[in-house]
C-alpha atoms as a PDB file:
ATOM      1  CA  MET A   1       0.077   0.048  -0.072  1.00  0.00           C
ATOM      2  CA  THR A   2       1.713   3.407  -1.179  1.00  0.00           C
ATOM      3  CA  ARG A   3       0.482   6.839  -0.042  1.00  0.00           C
ATOM      4  CA  ARG A   4       0.932   9.781  -2.166  1.00  0.00           C
ATOM      5  CA  TRP A   5       2.833  12.492  -0.121  1.00  0.00           C
ATOM      6  CA  GLU A   6       3.665  15.940  -1.142  1.00  0.00           C
ATOM      7  CA  TYR A   7       7.161  17.099   0.505  1.00  0.00           C
ATOM      8  CA  PRO A   8       7.878  19.313   2.294  1.00  0.00           C
ATOM      9  CA  ARG A   9       4.931  21.500   3.144  1.00  0.00           C
ATOM     10  CA  PRO A  10       6.207  23.542   6.057  1.00  0.00           C
ATOM     11  CA  GLY A  11       3.583  23.931   8.844  1.00  0.00           C
ATOM     12  CA  ALA A  12       1.194  21.628   7.006  1.00  0.00           C
ATOM     13  CA  GLY A  13       0.726  18.055   7.648  1.00  0.00           C
ATOM     14  CA  GLU A  14      -1.585  15.256   7.125  1.00  0.00           C
ATOM     15  CA  ASP A  15      -4.682  14.768   9.219  1.00  0.00           C
ATOM     16  CA  PRO A  16      -3.777  12.796  12.355  1.00  0.00           C
ATOM     17  CA  PRO A  17      -4.403   9.198  11.613  1.00  0.00           C
ATOM     18  CA  GLY A  18      -7.915   8.029  12.748  1.00  0.00           C
ATOM     19  CA  PRO A  19      -9.096   5.016  14.785  1.00  0.00           C
ATOM     20  CA  ASP A  20      -8.707   2.780  11.753  1.00  0.00           C
ATOM     21  CA  VAL A  21      -4.823   3.381  11.563  1.00  0.00           C
ATOM     22  CA  ASP A  22      -4.584   2.772  15.477  1.00  0.00           C
ATOM     23  CA  ASP A  23      -6.291  -0.513  14.788  1.00  0.00           C
ATOM     24  CA  ARG A  24      -3.902  -1.621  11.764  1.00  0.00           C
ATOM     25  CA  THR A  25      -1.000  -0.736  13.851  1.00  0.00           C
ATOM     26  CA  GLY A  26      -1.976  -2.888  16.737  1.00  0.00           C
ATOM     27  CA  GLY A  27      -3.866  -0.362  18.729  1.00  0.00           C
ATOM     28  CA  GLY A  28      -3.090   3.397  19.020  1.00  0.00           C
ATOM     29  CA  ALA A  29      -0.967   5.072  21.539  1.00  0.00           C
ATOM     30  CA  PRO A  30      -2.943   5.495  24.728  1.00  0.00           C
ATOM     31  CA  SER A  31      -4.265   8.915  25.760  1.00  0.00           C
ATOM     32  CA  PRO A  32      -2.530  10.824  28.212  1.00  0.00           C
ATOM     33  CA  SER A  33      -5.765  10.532  30.567  1.00  0.00           C
ATOM     34  CA  ARG A  34      -5.495   6.778  30.154  1.00  0.00           C
ATOM     35  CA  ALA A  35      -1.824   5.969  29.891  1.00  0.00           C
ATOM     36  CA  GLY A  36      -1.072   6.309  33.629  1.00  0.00           C
ATOM     37  CA  ASP A  37      -4.545   5.435  35.044  1.00  0.00           C
ATOM     38  CA  ASP A  38      -3.348   2.038  36.765  1.00  0.00           C
ATOM     39  CA  GLY A  39       0.055   3.621  38.033  1.00  0.00           C
ATOM     40  CA  ALA A  40       2.003   1.678  35.448  1.00  0.00           C
ATOM     41  CA  PRO A  41       4.169   3.383  32.517  1.00  0.00           C
ATOM     42  CA  PRO A  42       3.054   2.725  29.094  1.00  0.00           C
ATOM     43  CA  ARG A  43       4.689  -0.296  27.413  1.00  0.00           C
ATOM     44  CA  PRO A  44       7.574   0.413  25.027  1.00  0.00           C
ATOM     45  CA  GLU A  45       5.412  -0.464  21.991  1.00  0.00           C
ATOM     46  CA  GLU A  46       2.776   1.930  23.043  1.00  0.00           C
ATOM     47  CA  GLN A  47       5.387   4.533  23.449  1.00  0.00           C
ATOM     48  CA  ALA A  48       7.082   3.877  20.327  1.00  0.00           C
ATOM     49  CA  ARG A  49       3.606   3.998  18.390  1.00  0.00           C
ATOM     50  CA  ALA A  50       2.855   7.441  20.042  1.00  0.00           C
ATOM     51  CA  ILE A  51       6.347   8.816  18.948  1.00  0.00           C
ATOM     52  CA  CYS A  52       5.869   7.686  15.311  1.00  0.00           C
ATOM     53  CA  LEU A  53       2.297   9.100  14.990  1.00  0.00           C
ATOM     54  CA  ARG A  54       3.180  12.197  16.523  1.00  0.00           C
ATOM     55  CA  LEU A  55       6.266  12.696  14.009  1.00  0.00           C
ATOM     56  CA  LEU A  56       4.433  11.578  10.930  1.00  0.00           C
ATOM     57  CA  THR A  57       1.513  14.147  11.803  1.00  0.00           C
ATOM     58  CA  GLY A  58       3.681  16.977  11.023  1.00  0.00           C
ATOM     59  CA  THR A  59       5.454  15.688   8.136  1.00  0.00           C
ATOM     60  CA  PRO A  60       6.467  12.371   6.283  1.00  0.00           C
ATOM     61  CA  ARG A  61       9.560  10.748   7.566  1.00  0.00           C
ATOM     62  CA  THR A  62      12.023   8.120   6.325  1.00  0.00           C
ATOM     63  CA  ARG A  63      12.337   4.856   8.396  1.00  0.00           C
ATOM     64  CA  LYS A  64      15.640   5.861   9.415  1.00  0.00           C
ATOM     65  CA  GLN A  65      14.510   9.093  10.639  1.00  0.00           C
ATOM     66  CA  LEU A  66      11.964   7.426  12.878  1.00  0.00           C
ATOM     67  CA  ALA A  67      14.381   4.896  14.012  1.00  0.00           C
ATOM     68  CA  ASP A  68      16.729   7.619  15.292  1.00  0.00           C
ATOM     69  CA  ALA A  69      13.772   9.137  16.978  1.00  0.00           C
ATOM     70  CA  LEU A  70      13.098   6.113  18.833  1.00  0.00           C
ATOM     71  CA  ALA A  71      16.570   5.164  19.787  1.00  0.00           C
ATOM     72  CA  LYS A  72      16.984   8.874  21.185  1.00  0.00           C
ATOM     73  CA  ARG A  73      13.965   7.956  23.541  1.00  0.00           C
ATOM     74  CA  GLY A  74      15.330   4.622  24.820  1.00  0.00           C
ATOM     75  CA  ILE A  75      13.046   2.517  22.978  1.00  0.00           C
ATOM     76  CA  PRO A  76      14.595  -1.076  22.692  1.00  0.00           C
ATOM     77  CA  ASP A  77      15.914  -1.992  19.147  1.00  0.00           C
ATOM     78  CA  GLU A  78      13.653  -5.020  18.816  1.00  0.00           C
ATOM     79  CA  VAL A  79      10.671  -2.851  19.853  1.00  0.00           C
ATOM     80  CA  ALA A  80      11.599  -0.127  17.216  1.00  0.00           C
ATOM     81  CA  GLU A  81      11.998  -2.641  14.534  1.00  0.00           C
ATOM     82  CA  GLU A  82       8.640  -4.350  15.295  1.00  0.00           C
ATOM     83  CA  VAL A  83       6.611  -1.040  15.197  1.00  0.00           C
ATOM     84  CA  LEU A  84       8.385   0.424  12.114  1.00  0.00           C
ATOM     85  CA  SER A  85       7.770  -2.812  10.101  1.00  0.00           C
ATOM     86  CA  ARG A  86       4.187  -2.452  11.077  1.00  0.00           C
ATOM     87  CA  PHE A  87       3.949   0.848  10.271  1.00  0.00           C
ATOM     88  CA  GLU A  88       5.675   0.185   6.727  1.00  0.00           C
ATOM     89  CA  ASP A  89       3.071  -2.631   6.208  1.00  0.00           C
ATOM     90  CA  VAL A  90       0.035  -0.400   6.523  1.00  0.00           C
ATOM     91  CA  GLY A  91       1.919   2.451   4.367  1.00  0.00           C
ATOM     92  CA  LEU A  92       2.488   4.867   6.983  1.00  0.00           C
ATOM     93  CA  ILE A  93       6.238   4.685   6.204  1.00  0.00           C
ATOM     94  CA  ASP A  94       7.198   4.641   2.446  1.00  0.00           C
ATOM     95  CA  ASP A  95      10.712   5.638   1.835  1.00  0.00           C
ATOM     96  CA  SER A  96      10.278   5.236  -2.117  1.00  0.00           C
ATOM     97  CA  ALA A  97       7.246   7.598  -1.770  1.00  0.00           C
ATOM     98  CA  PHE A  98       9.320  10.018   0.402  1.00  0.00           C
ATOM     99  CA  ALA A  99      12.190  10.233  -1.977  1.00  0.00           C
ATOM    100  CA  GLY A 100      10.060  10.853  -5.143  1.00  0.00           C
ATOM    101  CA  ALA A 101       8.185  13.567  -3.441  1.00  0.00           C
ATOM    102  CA  TRP A 102      11.370  15.098  -2.094  1.00  0.00           C
ATOM    103  CA  VAL A 103      13.006  15.114  -5.570  1.00  0.00           C
ATOM    104  CA  GLU A 104       9.856  16.606  -7.113  1.00  0.00           C
ATOM    105  CA  SER A 105       9.642  19.207  -4.492  1.00  0.00           C
ATOM    106  CA  ARG A 106      13.296  20.242  -3.983  1.00  0.00           C
ATOM    107  CA  HIS A 107      14.053  20.151  -7.989  1.00  0.00           C
ATOM    108  CA  HIS A 108      11.010  22.420  -8.864  1.00  0.00           C
ATOM    109  CA  GLY A 109      11.051  24.508  -5.743  1.00  0.00           C
ATOM    110  CA  ARG A 110      14.952  25.098  -5.118  1.00  0.00           C
ATOM    111  CA  GLY A 111      16.362  24.112  -8.432  1.00  0.00           C
ATOM    112  CA  LEU A 112      18.364  21.322  -6.903  1.00  0.00           C
ATOM    113  CA  ALA A 113      20.361  18.989  -9.375  1.00  0.00           C
ATOM    114  CA  ARG A 114      20.398  15.232  -9.001  1.00  0.00           C
ATOM    115  CA  ARG A 115      23.729  15.340  -7.099  1.00  0.00           C
ATOM    116  CA  ALA A 116      22.332  17.486  -4.460  1.00  0.00           C
ATOM    117  CA  LEU A 117      19.232  15.644  -4.171  1.00  0.00           C
ATOM    118  CA  ALA A 118      20.994  12.293  -3.823  1.00  0.00           C
ATOM    119  CA  ARG A 119      23.196  13.955  -0.999  1.00  0.00           C
ATOM    120  CA  GLU A 120      20.191  15.044   0.818  1.00  0.00           C
ATOM    121  CA  LEU A 121      18.192  11.882   0.624  1.00  0.00           C
ATOM    122  CA  ARG A 122      21.422  10.183   1.895  1.00  0.00           C
ATOM    123  CA  THR A 123      21.442  12.265   4.893  1.00  0.00           C
ATOM    124  CA  LYS A 124      17.862  11.058   5.838  1.00  0.00           C
ATOM    125  CA  GLY A 125      18.826   7.345   5.643  1.00  0.00           C
ATOM    126  CA  VAL A 126      17.275   6.606   2.258  1.00  0.00           C
ATOM    127  CA  ASP A 127      18.710   3.298   0.695  1.00  0.00           C
ATOM    128  CA  SER A 128      21.038   3.815  -2.210  1.00  0.00           C
ATOM    129  CA  ALA A 129      18.837   1.966  -4.703  1.00  0.00           C
ATOM    130  CA  VAL A 130      15.649   3.950  -3.668  1.00  0.00           C
ATOM    131  CA  ILE A 131      17.714   7.113  -4.349  1.00  0.00           C
ATOM    132  CA  ASP A 132      18.963   6.071  -7.560  1.00  0.00           C
ATOM    133  CA  GLU A 133      15.361   5.312  -8.657  1.00  0.00           C
ATOM    134  CA  ALA A 134      13.905   8.630  -7.337  1.00  0.00           C
ATOM    135  CA  VAL A 135      16.718  10.923  -8.907  1.00  0.00           C
ATOM    136  CA  GLY A 136      16.712   8.947 -12.213  1.00  0.00           C
ATOM    137  CA  ARG A 137      13.329  10.334 -12.823  1.00  0.00           C
ATOM    138  CA  LEU A 138      15.000  13.469 -13.637  1.00  0.00           C
ATOM    139  CA  ASP A 139      16.565  13.386 -16.849  1.00  0.00           C
ATOM    140  CA  ALA A 140      19.767  15.393 -18.247  1.00  0.00           C
ATOM    141  CA  GLU A 141      17.426  17.572 -20.322  1.00  0.00           C
ATOM    142  CA  GLN A 142      15.024  18.518 -17.541  1.00  0.00           C
ATOM    143  CA  GLU A 143      18.316  19.219 -15.237  1.00  0.00           C
ATOM    144  CA  GLU A 144      19.791  21.743 -17.960  1.00  0.00           C
ATOM    145  CA  ARG A 145      16.360  23.401 -18.288  1.00  0.00           C
ATOM    146  CA  THR A 146      16.289  24.093 -14.827  1.00  0.00           C
ATOM    147  CA  ALA A 147      19.990  25.200 -14.818  1.00  0.00           C
ATOM    148  CA  ARG A 148      19.135  27.765 -17.656  1.00  0.00           C
ATOM    149  CA  ASP A 149      16.166  28.907 -15.752  1.00  0.00           C
ATOM    150  CA  LEU A 150      18.342  29.642 -12.501  1.00  0.00           C
ATOM    151  CA  VAL A 151      20.913  31.481 -14.312  1.00  0.00           C
ATOM    152  CA  GLU A 152      18.163  33.713 -16.162  1.00  0.00           C
ATOM    153  CA  ARG A 153      16.735  34.582 -12.932  1.00  0.00           C
ATOM    154  CA  LYS A 154      20.121  35.622 -11.568  1.00  0.00           C
ATOM    155  CA  LEU A 155      21.631  37.374 -14.532  1.00  0.00           C
ATOM    156  CA  ARG A 156      20.021  40.868 -13.798  1.00  0.00           C
ATOM    157  CA  ALA A 157      21.627  40.781 -10.389  1.00  0.00           C
ATOM    158  CA  THR A 158      24.875  40.317 -11.731  1.00  0.00           C
ATOM    159  CA  ARG A 159      24.908  43.360 -14.143  1.00  0.00           C
ATOM    160  CA  GLY A 160      27.458  45.748 -13.542  1.00  0.00           C
ATOM    161  CA  LEU A 161      29.938  43.294 -12.462  1.00  0.00           C
ATOM    162  CA  ASP A 162      32.913  42.635 -14.452  1.00  0.00           C
ATOM    163  CA  ARG A 163      32.863  39.717 -16.844  1.00  0.00           C
ATOM    164  CA  GLU A 164      34.876  37.331 -14.869  1.00  0.00           C
ATOM    165  CA  LYS A 165      33.172  38.098 -11.738  1.00  0.00           C
ATOM    166  CA  ARG A 166      29.884  37.478 -13.187  1.00  0.00           C
ATOM    167  CA  LEU A 167      30.847  34.088 -14.538  1.00  0.00           C
ATOM    168  CA  ARG A 168      32.238  33.119 -11.023  1.00  0.00           C
ATOM    169  CA  ARG A 169      28.989  34.110  -9.214  1.00  0.00           C
ATOM    170  CA  LEU A 170      26.806  32.468 -11.745  1.00  0.00           C
ATOM    171  CA  ALA A 171      28.738  29.174 -11.966  1.00  0.00           C
ATOM    172  CA  GLY A 172      29.250  29.191  -8.410  1.00  0.00           C
ATOM    173  CA  MET A 173      25.417  29.404  -7.660  1.00  0.00           C
ATOM    174  CA  LEU A 174      24.800  26.329 -10.075  1.00  0.00           C
ATOM    175  CA  ALA A 175      27.743  24.433  -8.249  1.00  0.00           C
ATOM    176  CA  ARG A 176      26.064  24.892  -4.930  1.00  0.00           C
ATOM    177  CA  LYS A 177      22.791  23.329  -6.300  1.00  0.00           C
ATOM    178  CA  GLY A 178      24.874  20.228  -7.518  1.00  0.00           C
ATOM    179  CA  TYR A 179      25.340  20.931 -10.946  1.00  0.00           C
ATOM    180  CA  SER A 180      28.535  19.751 -12.702  1.00  0.00           C
ATOM    181  CA  GLU A 181      31.168  22.076 -13.658  1.00  0.00           C
ATOM    182  CA  GLY A 182      30.744  21.227 -17.317  1.00  0.00           C
ATOM    183  CA  LEU A 183      27.078  22.031 -17.244  1.00  0.00           C
ATOM    184  CA  ALA A 184      27.394  25.084 -15.110  1.00  0.00           C
ATOM    185  CA  LEU A 185      29.970  26.604 -17.491  1.00  0.00           C
ATOM    186  CA  ARG A 186      27.998  25.593 -20.592  1.00  0.00           C
ATOM    187  CA  VAL A 187      24.883  27.014 -19.274  1.00  0.00           C
ATOM    188  CA  VAL A 188      26.495  30.376 -18.098  1.00  0.00           C
ATOM    189  CA  ARG A 189      28.334  30.843 -21.165  1.00  0.00           C
ATOM    190  CA  ARG A 190      25.269  30.448 -23.439  1.00  0.00           C
ATOM    191  CA  ALA A 191      23.260  33.036 -21.127  1.00  0.00           C
ATOM    192  CA  LEU A 192      26.120  35.419 -21.299  1.00  0.00           C
ATOM    193  CA  GLU A 193      26.642  35.085 -25.184  1.00  0.00           C
ATOM    194  CA  GLU A 194      22.572  35.434 -25.541  1.00  0.00           C
ATOM    195  CA  GLU A 195      22.834  38.551 -23.437  1.00  0.00           C
ATOM    196  CA  GLY A 196      25.675  40.187 -25.913  1.00  0.00           C
ATOM    197  CA  GLU A 197      28.894  39.104 -24.495  1.00  0.00           C
ATOM    198  CA  ASP A 198      31.696  38.466 -27.064  1.00  0.00           C
ATOM    199  CA  PRO A 199      32.584  34.802 -27.188  1.00  0.00           C
ATOM    200  CA  GLU A 200      36.157  35.593 -27.888  1.00  0.00           C
ATOM    201  CA  LEU A 201      36.318  37.627 -24.790  1.00  0.00           C
ATOM    202  CA  LEU A 202      34.443  34.851 -22.623  1.00  0.00           C
ATOM    203  CA  ASP A 203      37.232  32.566 -23.620  1.00  0.00           C
ATOM    204  CA  HIS A 204      39.499  34.326 -21.538  1.00  0.00           C
ATOM    205  CA  CYS A 205      37.427  33.740 -18.617  1.00  0.00           C
ATOM    206  CA  LEU A 206      36.236  30.298 -18.990  1.00  0.00           C
ATOM    207  CA  PRO A 207      37.266  27.027 -21.030  1.00  0.00           C
ATOM    208  CA  ASP A 208      35.330  25.754 -23.942  1.00  0.00           C
ATOM    209  CA  VAL A 209      32.922  23.029 -22.743  1.00  0.00           C
END
């Protein structure tokens, strides 16, 4: 079962899972009013479910992110594994959907290239095969179109600077977003030539690519 997620949406999250979700995950976390009625602390399984549901209410998370959160709160490894696997079974955790939504959002929203997107997903504990599949949905043509759009938006802000400084600033902006040096220089050269820069003068500032 796969859920369709949109990521990220700061300050916005899905509706908290209802009673049917609690049933599928083996019973929801006890409410604060019931948890300590008999004087006994909640069982580790209940604590783990409550932690995961609370974190997933705000925004999608990867399995690794949730596992780290459970470990920090002292949940035993075997309990964490059981609860996380149950959440995966019912679709509350889906690293593939998370990675796909992340790539879509961060590429179109921030203009990040495949290399930068893969790096971000690795820091969130997404498996390499899942990352490759997600970033592979961006082809080279789409990546170059996005790079051109980024340069076009920054061109005006660099007018008045000397030629070499403009080149460095524009190419550096693309590099920080994960674009390769060759692609960055090619896109910047093309944009400056279209703006009227002499190609021969550009040759003194950057190599042919």
